[in-house]
Protein backbone atom coordinates (compact mmCIF):
# COMPACT_ATOMS: atom_id res chain seq x y z
CA UNK A 1 -23.37 -4.29 -16.29
CA UNK A 2 -22.98 -4.59 -12.51
CA UNK A 3 -24.46 -2.25 -9.95
CA UNK A 4 -22.22 -0.14 -7.69
CA UNK A 5 -23.09 0.85 -4.15
CA UNK A 6 -21.08 2.81 -1.63
CA UNK A 7 -20.84 0.90 1.65
CA UNK A 8 -18.85 3.53 3.55
CA UNK A 9 -17.38 6.97 2.84
CA UNK A 10 -15.29 9.36 4.94
CA UNK A 11 -14.22 12.76 3.64
CA UNK A 12 -13.29 15.21 6.37
CA UNK A 13 -10.48 17.45 7.54
CA UNK A 14 -8.71 16.18 10.67
CA UNK A 15 -5.42 16.41 12.51
CA UNK A 16 -2.74 14.18 11.01
CA UNK A 17 -2.54 12.40 14.39
CA UNK A 18 -6.25 11.57 14.16
CA UNK A 19 -5.75 10.39 10.57
CA UNK A 20 -3.02 8.07 11.89
CA UNK A 21 -5.47 6.68 14.46
CA UNK A 22 -8.03 5.99 11.70
CA UNK A 23 -5.38 4.34 9.52
CA UNK A 24 -4.24 2.28 12.53
CA UNK A 25 -7.78 0.91 12.88
CA UNK A 26 -7.74 0.04 9.18
CA UNK A 27 -4.39 -1.72 9.61
CA UNK A 28 -5.79 -3.71 12.54
CA UNK A 29 -8.78 -4.69 10.39
CA UNK A 30 -6.52 -5.76 7.52
CA UNK A 31 -4.56 -7.99 9.90
CA UNK A 32 -7.81 -9.61 11.06
CA UNK A 33 -9.19 -9.70 7.47
CA UNK A 34 -12.31 -7.82 8.56
CA UNK A 35 -13.05 -4.09 8.32
CA UNK A 36 -15.80 -2.52 10.40
CA UNK A 37 -17.16 0.99 10.55
CA UNK A 38 -20.32 2.98 11.09
CA UNK A 39 -21.96 4.63 8.10
CA UNK A 40 -25.08 6.78 7.85
CA UNK A 41 -27.17 3.66 7.34
CA UNK A 42 -25.67 1.85 10.34
CA UNK A 43 -22.76 -0.48 10.97
CA UNK A 44 -20.80 -1.89 8.03
CA UNK A 45 -18.58 -4.97 8.19
CA UNK A 46 -16.57 -6.31 5.23
CA UNK A 47 -14.71 -9.62 5.21
CA UNK A 48 -11.39 -9.39 3.39
CA UNK A 49 -9.71 -11.99 1.18
CA UNK A 50 -6.38 -13.63 1.84
CA UNK A 51 -4.83 -11.81 -1.16
CA UNK A 52 -5.69 -8.37 -2.57
CA UNK A 53 -4.29 -5.85 -5.05
CA UNK A 54 -2.54 -2.91 -3.35
CA UNK A 55 -1.75 0.40 -5.07
CA UNK A 56 0.06 3.25 -3.29
CA UNK A 57 0.92 6.58 -4.89
CA UNK A 58 2.31 9.87 -3.63
CA UNK A 59 1.81 12.85 -5.93
CA UNK A 60 2.70 16.52 -5.92
CA UNK A 61 1.02 19.26 -7.92
CA UNK A 62 2.79 22.63 -8.00
CA UNK A 63 1.73 25.96 -9.46
CA UNK A 64 2.20 29.63 -8.61
CA UNK A 65 4.61 28.94 -5.77
CA UNK A 66 2.15 26.62 -4.03
CA UNK A 67 2.04 22.86 -3.99
CA UNK A 68 -0.47 20.21 -3.10
CA UNK A 69 0.57 16.70 -2.11
CA UNK A 70 -1.65 13.65 -2.15
CA UNK A 71 -1.17 10.15 -0.74
CA UNK A 72 -3.52 7.53 -2.18
CA UNK A 73 -3.86 3.99 -0.90
CA UNK A 74 -6.15 1.59 -2.74
CA UNK A 75 -6.81 -2.01 -1.82
CA UNK A 76 -9.08 -3.95 -4.15
CA UNK A 77 -10.15 -7.51 -4.81
CA UNK A 78 -12.74 -9.50 -6.70
CA UNK A 79 -15.06 -11.76 -4.75
CA UNK A 80 -14.54 -15.43 -5.55
CA UNK A 81 -11.17 -14.83 -7.24
CA UNK A 82 -8.56 -17.55 -6.65
CA UNK A 83 -5.71 -16.17 -4.51
CA UNK A 84 -2.38 -15.77 -6.24
CA UNK A 85 0.67 -13.53 -6.44
CA UNK A 86 2.02 -11.90 -9.59
CA UNK A 87 5.27 -10.69 -8.18
């Protein structure tokens, strides 16, 4: 079984404008096929493939007159996989 390691993690409360700035940097990195960031252990740079799997979901959970909404964006790929499109 393979070994997992976390290269970068961000979990903080911020203004939605600031979240848009962070997402904009991610978009720029996707366009250049290279993501860069600074983690606790130092700088992290990840080269991206030509083709990746993209999953986007928007969920709402409601109870007792309150609701919580969640936007999830996941981009994944396997190293060495031959690029191709399913759809």
